[in-house]
Amino acid sequence: MHRNLMWGWLVLAGMLITRLGYGVVNAGDTALPDLMVTLLLTGGLLACLAGVAGLLGALNWLMPLPRD
């Protein structure tokens, strides 16, 4: 349960980062350089992907289950 919460928070953080990137793109007047916007978008999407993969159990090697 604890690990699922962590993966879920990673998905939410990735969605927030991606939303920040889209907000800068939609503003029209970009105060940030293009590279920063690209990093926000790709970093957010990769964080979401890692969180979903963790929720599905594909990243169990990263945080192994405790042995009883």
Protein backbone atom coordinates (compact mmCIF):
# COMPACT_ATOMS: atom_id res chain seq x y z
CA MET A 1 0.00 0.00 0.00
CA HIS A 2 2.81 2.37 0.91
CA ARG A 3 4.57 1.82 -2.40
CA ASN A 4 1.39 2.37 -4.40
CA LEU A 5 1.01 5.77 -2.77
CA MET A 6 4.55 6.69 -3.73
CA TRP A 7 3.99 5.66 -7.35
CA GLY A 8 0.69 7.54 -7.38
CA TRP A 9 2.37 10.71 -6.12
CA LEU A 10 5.00 10.33 -8.84
CA VAL A 11 2.23 10.20 -11.46
CA LEU A 12 0.60 13.31 -9.99
CA ALA A 13 3.92 15.18 -9.85
CA GLY A 14 4.57 14.28 -13.49
CA MET A 15 1.14 15.55 -14.45
CA LEU A 16 1.80 18.82 -12.64
CA ILE A 17 5.19 19.30 -14.32
CA THR A 18 3.67 18.54 -17.72
CA ARG A 19 0.84 20.98 -17.05
CA LEU A 20 3.37 23.70 -16.23
CA GLY A 21 5.07 23.07 -19.56
CA TYR A 22 1.78 23.21 -21.47
CA GLY A 23 0.84 26.38 -19.61
CA VAL A 24 4.00 28.09 -20.81
CA VAL A 25 3.37 26.94 -24.38
CA ASN A 26 -0.25 28.15 -24.34
CA ALA A 27 0.66 31.54 -22.87
CA GLY A 28 2.04 32.62 -26.25
CA ASP A 29 4.52 35.02 -24.68
CA THR A 30 7.17 32.53 -23.63
CA ALA A 31 9.33 33.87 -20.85
CA LEU A 32 11.19 30.57 -20.60
CA PRO A 33 13.62 29.35 -23.28
CA ASP A 34 12.46 26.59 -25.60
CA LEU A 35 14.84 24.11 -24.01
CA MET A 36 13.27 24.62 -20.59
CA VAL A 37 9.78 24.10 -21.97
CA THR A 38 10.94 20.92 -23.70
CA LEU A 39 12.49 19.67 -20.47
CA LEU A 40 9.28 20.40 -18.55
CA LEU A 41 7.16 18.52 -21.05
CA THR A 42 9.38 15.49 -21.50
CA GLY A 43 10.33 15.29 -17.83
CA GLY A 44 6.70 15.38 -16.76
CA LEU A 45 5.66 12.76 -19.27
CA LEU A 46 8.55 10.47 -18.31
CA ALA A 47 7.69 10.85 -14.61
CA CYS A 48 4.09 9.85 -15.40
CA LEU A 49 5.33 6.86 -17.38
CA ALA A 50 7.61 5.74 -14.55
CA GLY A 51 4.79 6.12 -12.03
CA VAL A 52 2.37 4.07 -14.11
CA ALA A 53 5.00 1.38 -14.69
CA GLY A 54 5.62 1.30 -10.94
CA LEU A 55 1.91 0.96 -10.21
CA LEU A 56 1.70 -1.93 -12.64
CA GLY A 57 4.58 -3.68 -10.90
CA ALA A 58 7.14 -3.37 -13.68
CA LEU A 59 9.59 -1.56 -11.39
CA ASN A 60 9.56 -4.00 -8.46
CA TRP A 61 13.32 -4.35 -8.73
CA LEU A 62 13.61 -0.70 -7.70
CA MET A 63 11.76 -1.21 -4.41
CA PRO A 64 11.62 -4.94 -3.68
CA LEU A 65 8.95 -6.39 -1.42
CA PRO A 66 10.11 -7.01 2.17
CA ARG A 67 10.69 -10.66 3.02
CA ASP A 68 8.59 -12.15 5.77
